[in-house]
Amino acid sequence: MIKKQQNWLFYYHFFIGILALISSGIAFSTFFTHANLLTGPMGILMNIMLAIFWIDYLVRFAFSKNKKTFLIENSFDMLGLVPLHPIFAVFRIERVIRLIRYYHLFWRLGLDGRLTKAVHRFFYATGFVYLLYISVVILVLSALLYSIVEKISLADSLWWAITTATTVGYGDISPHSTIGKIIASLLMLGGIGFIGLLTSTITGFFTSNSAHMEDSDLNLLLHKIDDLSDQVAQLQKQVSKNQKKSRKKKK
């Protein structure tokens, strides 16, 4: 019975993972194509998958023991359920990443080791993943609103959002309407701050990591010096014993 439940759960997770890959892939493709995901057969398909993910989210939330922890750990899932625009389906790719971790696929493929542990420590121990969540939300939401207000493609508006938030500002795209200027101002105030936190977190991680490596190397060197000192002391004792024996024999 338990084995059947595990098999059913595996197939269900596999089905959800495939849907997450398809929906996020279709949404991501809109950055490079002019496909309309709001109407037609593609819009119906995206709405059906949105309904499936909504049911999945609500069921998992209802059966979760700690609601607060569930909301924090599934924040990307919640973003993937935003019905404002199908582009938010891009966030469902995080569901695939969680399934990879749940079934320990890296470990099963022999890829688990120092690299995956370092990546996990970088994303979660430093809080980088939460800053990344907020930064991506700000960028995507600003790009979507800017695209609607300024009547430009979503790909161009996302490019504008990234260049604005990173203070690059090429000037090839600029707001002309009052609402567009307000969106740009909010992105400058909020986006730049979180982008700065992201870069400082990355810098701080590698700085502390290199310092930790230097400390570990120093401790290893000191340990080796102690071992050599013990060996030299033992050699000196052995030499002194041999000298005493040789003197007794001469007498």
Protein backbone atom coordinates (compact mmCIF):
# COMPACT_ATOMS: atom_id res chain seq x y z
CA MET A 1 0.00 0.00 0.00
CA ILE A 2 2.77 2.41 0.95
CA LYS A 3 4.70 1.50 -2.18
CA LYS A 4 1.64 2.23 -4.35
CA GLN A 5 1.23 5.62 -2.68
CA GLN A 6 4.91 6.41 -3.28
CA ASN A 7 4.57 5.40 -6.95
CA TRP A 8 1.43 7.53 -7.32
CA LEU A 9 3.19 10.49 -5.68
CA PHE A 10 6.18 10.08 -8.00
CA TYR A 11 4.00 10.04 -11.11
CA TYR A 12 2.07 13.07 -9.84
CA HIS A 13 5.29 15.02 -9.20
CA PHE A 14 6.57 13.98 -12.63
CA PHE A 15 3.33 15.25 -14.22
CA ILE A 16 3.53 18.58 -12.37
CA GLY A 17 7.22 18.92 -13.28
CA ILE A 18 6.45 18.41 -16.97
CA LEU A 19 3.65 21.00 -16.81
CA ALA A 20 5.99 23.44 -15.04
CA LEU A 21 8.64 22.98 -17.74
CA ILE A 22 6.12 23.41 -20.57
CA SER A 23 4.35 26.46 -19.12
CA SER A 24 7.55 28.23 -18.05
CA GLY A 25 9.14 27.46 -21.42
CA ILE A 26 6.17 28.90 -23.31
CA ALA A 27 6.16 32.00 -21.09
CA PHE A 28 9.92 32.47 -21.50
CA SER A 29 9.61 32.20 -25.28
CA THR A 30 7.52 35.40 -25.32
CA PHE A 31 10.70 37.37 -24.61
CA PHE A 32 11.94 36.41 -28.08
CA THR A 33 8.71 35.98 -30.07
CA HIS A 34 5.45 37.86 -30.50
CA ALA A 35 3.27 34.92 -29.45
CA ASN A 36 -0.03 35.93 -27.86
CA LEU A 37 -0.66 33.94 -24.68
CA LEU A 38 -3.81 35.83 -23.73
CA THR A 39 -6.15 34.62 -26.49
CA GLY A 40 -6.54 31.71 -28.87
CA PRO A 41 -5.54 28.06 -28.27
CA MET A 42 -2.33 29.06 -26.49
CA GLY A 43 -4.27 31.25 -24.06
CA ILE A 44 -6.70 28.40 -23.32
CA LEU A 45 -3.78 26.02 -22.71
CA MET A 46 -2.08 28.47 -20.33
CA ASN A 47 -5.35 29.02 -18.42
CA ILE A 48 -5.88 25.25 -18.03
CA MET A 49 -2.36 24.83 -16.65
CA LEU A 50 -2.92 27.83 -14.38
CA ALA A 51 -6.03 26.16 -12.96
CA ILE A 52 -4.11 22.91 -12.37
CA PHE A 53 -1.34 24.73 -10.52
CA TRP A 54 -3.89 26.65 -8.45
CA ILE A 55 -5.55 23.38 -7.35
CA ASP A 56 -2.14 21.86 -6.61
CA TYR A 57 -1.10 24.87 -4.53
CA LEU A 58 -4.33 25.02 -2.52
CA VAL A 59 -4.28 21.27 -1.77
CA ARG A 60 -0.65 21.37 -0.62
CA PHE A 61 -1.37 24.46 1.49
CA ALA A 62 -4.39 22.77 3.12
CA PHE A 63 -2.36 19.68 4.09
CA SER A 64 0.78 21.57 5.20
CA LYS A 65 1.50 21.44 8.93
CA ASN A 66 3.19 24.85 9.12
CA LYS A 67 1.33 27.38 6.96
CA LYS A 68 3.90 30.16 7.46
CA THR A 69 6.83 27.96 6.42
CA PHE A 70 4.84 26.75 3.42
CA LEU A 71 4.17 30.30 2.23
CA ILE A 72 7.86 31.23 2.53
CA GLU A 73 9.19 28.09 0.86
CA ASN A 74 6.63 28.26 -1.97
CA SER A 75 6.83 31.98 -2.72
CA PHE A 76 7.89 31.33 -6.31
CA ASP A 77 4.92 28.98 -6.72
CA MET A 78 2.64 31.81 -5.63
CA LEU A 79 4.21 34.11 -8.20
CA GLY A 80 3.58 31.48 -10.86
CA LEU A 81 -0.13 31.67 -10.01
CA VAL A 82 -0.52 35.40 -10.68
CA PRO A 83 -3.31 35.61 -13.30
CA LEU A 84 -2.31 39.13 -14.37
CA HIS A 85 -0.26 37.84 -17.32
CA PRO A 86 0.96 34.39 -18.51
CA ILE A 87 4.56 35.65 -18.25
CA PHE A 88 4.44 34.86 -14.52
CA ALA A 89 4.45 31.17 -15.46
CA VAL A 90 8.24 31.56 -15.76
CA PHE A 91 8.40 31.29 -11.97
CA ARG A 92 7.09 27.72 -12.14
CA ILE A 93 10.57 26.54 -13.09
CA GLU A 94 11.35 26.71 -9.37
CA ARG A 95 8.93 23.81 -8.88
CA VAL A 96 11.19 21.67 -11.07
CA ILE A 97 14.22 22.67 -9.01
CA ARG A 98 12.38 21.71 -5.81
CA LEU A 99 11.49 18.29 -7.24
CA ILE A 100 15.15 17.74 -8.15
CA ARG A 101 16.07 18.45 -4.54
CA TYR A 102 13.17 16.36 -3.17
CA TYR A 103 14.22 13.24 -5.07
CA HIS A 104 17.97 13.95 -4.60
CA LEU A 105 18.58 13.63 -8.33
CA PHE A 106 22.05 15.19 -8.09
CA TRP A 107 23.00 12.57 -5.49
CA ARG A 108 21.53 9.75 -7.60
CA LEU A 109 23.53 10.95 -10.60
CA GLY A 110 26.69 11.20 -8.52
CA LEU A 111 26.84 14.99 -8.81
CA ASP A 112 26.30 15.74 -5.14
CA GLY A 113 29.39 17.00 -3.35
CA ARG A 114 31.22 20.13 -2.32
CA LEU A 115 29.86 22.10 -5.29
CA THR A 116 26.18 21.44 -4.58
CA LYS A 117 26.71 22.06 -0.86
CA ALA A 118 28.41 25.37 -1.62
CA VAL A 119 25.57 26.36 -3.96
CA HIS A 120 22.97 25.46 -1.31
CA ARG A 121 24.87 27.44 1.33
CA PHE A 122 25.16 30.41 -1.01
CA PHE A 123 21.44 30.53 -1.89
CA TYR A 124 19.89 29.77 1.49
CA ALA A 125 22.39 30.48 4.28
CA THR A 126 23.08 34.00 2.97
CA GLY A 127 19.43 34.76 2.22
CA PHE A 128 20.37 35.34 -1.43
CA VAL A 129 17.39 33.36 -2.72
CA TYR A 130 14.89 35.68 -0.98
CA LEU A 131 16.59 38.79 -2.32
CA LEU A 132 16.55 37.18 -5.75
CA TYR A 133 12.80 36.49 -5.40
CA ILE A 134 12.04 40.13 -4.61
CA SER A 135 14.38 41.50 -7.30
CA VAL A 136 12.91 39.30 -10.02
CA VAL A 137 9.37 40.20 -8.98
CA ILE A 138 10.18 43.91 -9.13
CA LEU A 139 11.80 43.56 -12.56
CA VAL A 140 9.04 41.43 -14.11
CA LEU A 141 6.18 43.44 -12.65
CA SER A 142 7.77 46.75 -13.68
CA ALA A 143 8.44 45.41 -17.18
CA LEU A 144 4.87 44.17 -17.54
CA LEU A 145 3.30 47.45 -16.40
CA TYR A 146 5.73 49.46 -18.52
CA SER A 147 4.90 47.30 -21.55
CA ILE A 148 1.18 47.97 -21.11
CA VAL A 149 1.54 51.69 -20.45
CA GLU A 150 4.14 52.51 -23.10
CA LYS A 151 2.71 49.98 -25.60
CA ILE A 152 5.99 48.22 -26.39
CA SER A 153 6.87 44.53 -26.49
CA LEU A 154 7.45 42.65 -23.26
CA ALA A 155 11.00 41.77 -24.31
CA ASP A 156 11.87 45.45 -24.85
CA SER A 157 10.26 46.48 -21.57
CA LEU A 158 12.19 43.76 -19.70
CA TRP A 159 15.40 45.03 -21.28
CA TRP A 160 14.47 48.54 -20.14
CA ALA A 161 13.75 47.30 -16.60
CA ILE A 162 17.11 45.52 -16.32
CA THR A 163 19.14 48.45 -17.65
CA THR A 164 17.26 50.85 -15.37
CA ALA A 165 17.56 48.72 -12.20
CA THR A 166 21.28 48.11 -12.77
CA THR A 167 21.86 51.88 -13.35
CA VAL A 168 23.30 51.20 -16.83
CA GLY A 169 20.66 53.25 -18.64
CA TYR A 170 21.57 53.08 -22.33
CA GLY A 171 18.76 55.51 -23.16
CA ASP A 172 17.50 53.49 -26.13
CA ILE A 173 14.14 53.07 -24.36
CA SER A 174 12.70 55.79 -22.15
CA PRO A 175 9.22 56.56 -20.75
CA HIS A 176 7.10 59.15 -22.49
CA SER A 177 3.85 59.01 -20.54
CA THR A 178 3.34 60.25 -16.99
CA ILE A 179 2.45 56.79 -15.69
CA GLY A 180 5.52 55.35 -17.41
CA LYS A 181 7.72 57.90 -15.65
CA ILE A 182 6.12 57.00 -12.30
CA ILE A 183 6.84 53.29 -12.93
CA ALA A 184 10.43 54.16 -13.84
CA SER A 185 10.83 56.22 -10.66
CA LEU A 186 9.54 53.38 -8.48
CA LEU A 187 11.85 50.92 -10.23
CA MET A 188 14.81 53.22 -9.67
CA LEU A 189 14.05 53.53 -5.96
CA GLY A 190 13.20 49.89 -5.24
CA GLY A 191 15.06 47.98 -7.92
CA ILE A 192 18.44 49.65 -7.47
CA GLY A 193 18.34 48.98 -3.72
CA PHE A 194 17.66 45.26 -4.10
CA ILE A 195 20.15 44.88 -6.96
CA GLY A 196 22.74 46.50 -4.69
CA LEU A 197 21.88 44.03 -1.92
CA LEU A 198 22.30 41.16 -4.36
CA THR A 199 25.77 42.26 -5.43
CA SER A 200 26.85 42.92 -1.84
CA THR A 201 25.59 39.47 -0.79
CA ILE A 202 27.59 37.82 -3.57
CA THR A 203 30.70 39.80 -2.65
CA GLY A 204 30.27 39.06 1.05
CA PHE A 205 29.84 35.32 0.41
CA PHE A 206 33.00 34.96 -1.63
CA THR A 207 34.97 37.20 0.74
CA SER A 208 33.94 35.20 3.81
CA ASN A 209 34.47 31.95 1.92
CA SER A 210 38.01 32.93 0.93
CA ALA A 211 38.73 34.05 4.49
CA HIS A 212 37.41 30.71 5.78
CA MET A 213 39.65 28.88 3.32
CA GLU A 214 42.65 30.92 4.46
CA ASP A 215 41.90 30.11 8.10
CA SER A 216 41.52 26.41 7.32
CA ASP A 217 44.78 26.42 5.35
CA LEU A 218 46.54 28.18 8.23
CA ASN A 219 45.16 25.67 10.74
CA LEU A 220 46.31 22.81 8.52
CA LEU A 221 49.79 24.33 8.27
CA LEU A 222 50.00 24.79 12.04
CA HIS A 223 48.89 21.20 12.54
CA LYS A 224 51.62 19.98 10.21
CA ILE A 225 54.19 22.09 12.04
CA ASP A 226 53.11 20.53 15.34
CA ASP A 227 53.47 17.07 13.85
CA LEU A 228 56.95 17.90 12.56
CA SER A 229 57.92 19.29 15.97
CA ASP A 230 56.79 16.06 17.65
CA GLN A 231 58.75 14.00 15.16
CA VAL A 232 61.89 16.11 15.70
CA ALA A 233 61.53 15.74 19.48
CA GLN A 234 61.22 11.97 19.13
CA LEU A 235 64.30 11.88 16.90
CA GLN A 236 66.28 13.90 19.44
CA LYS A 237 65.29 11.49 22.21
CA GLN A 238 66.29 8.53 20.07
CA VAL A 239 69.63 10.14 19.23
CA SER A 240 70.34 10.87 22.89
CA LYS A 241 69.53 7.27 23.83
CA ASN A 242 71.84 5.95 21.14
CA GLN A 243 74.61 8.26 22.33
CA LYS A 244 74.23 7.01 25.93
CA LYS A 245 74.36 3.39 24.77
CA SER A 246 77.49 4.01 22.73
CA ARG A 247 79.20 5.68 25.72
CA LYS A 248 78.39 2.73 27.99
CA LYS A 249 79.87 0.31 25.51
CA LYS A 250 83.11 2.30 25.30
CA LYS A 251 83.42 2.23 29.11
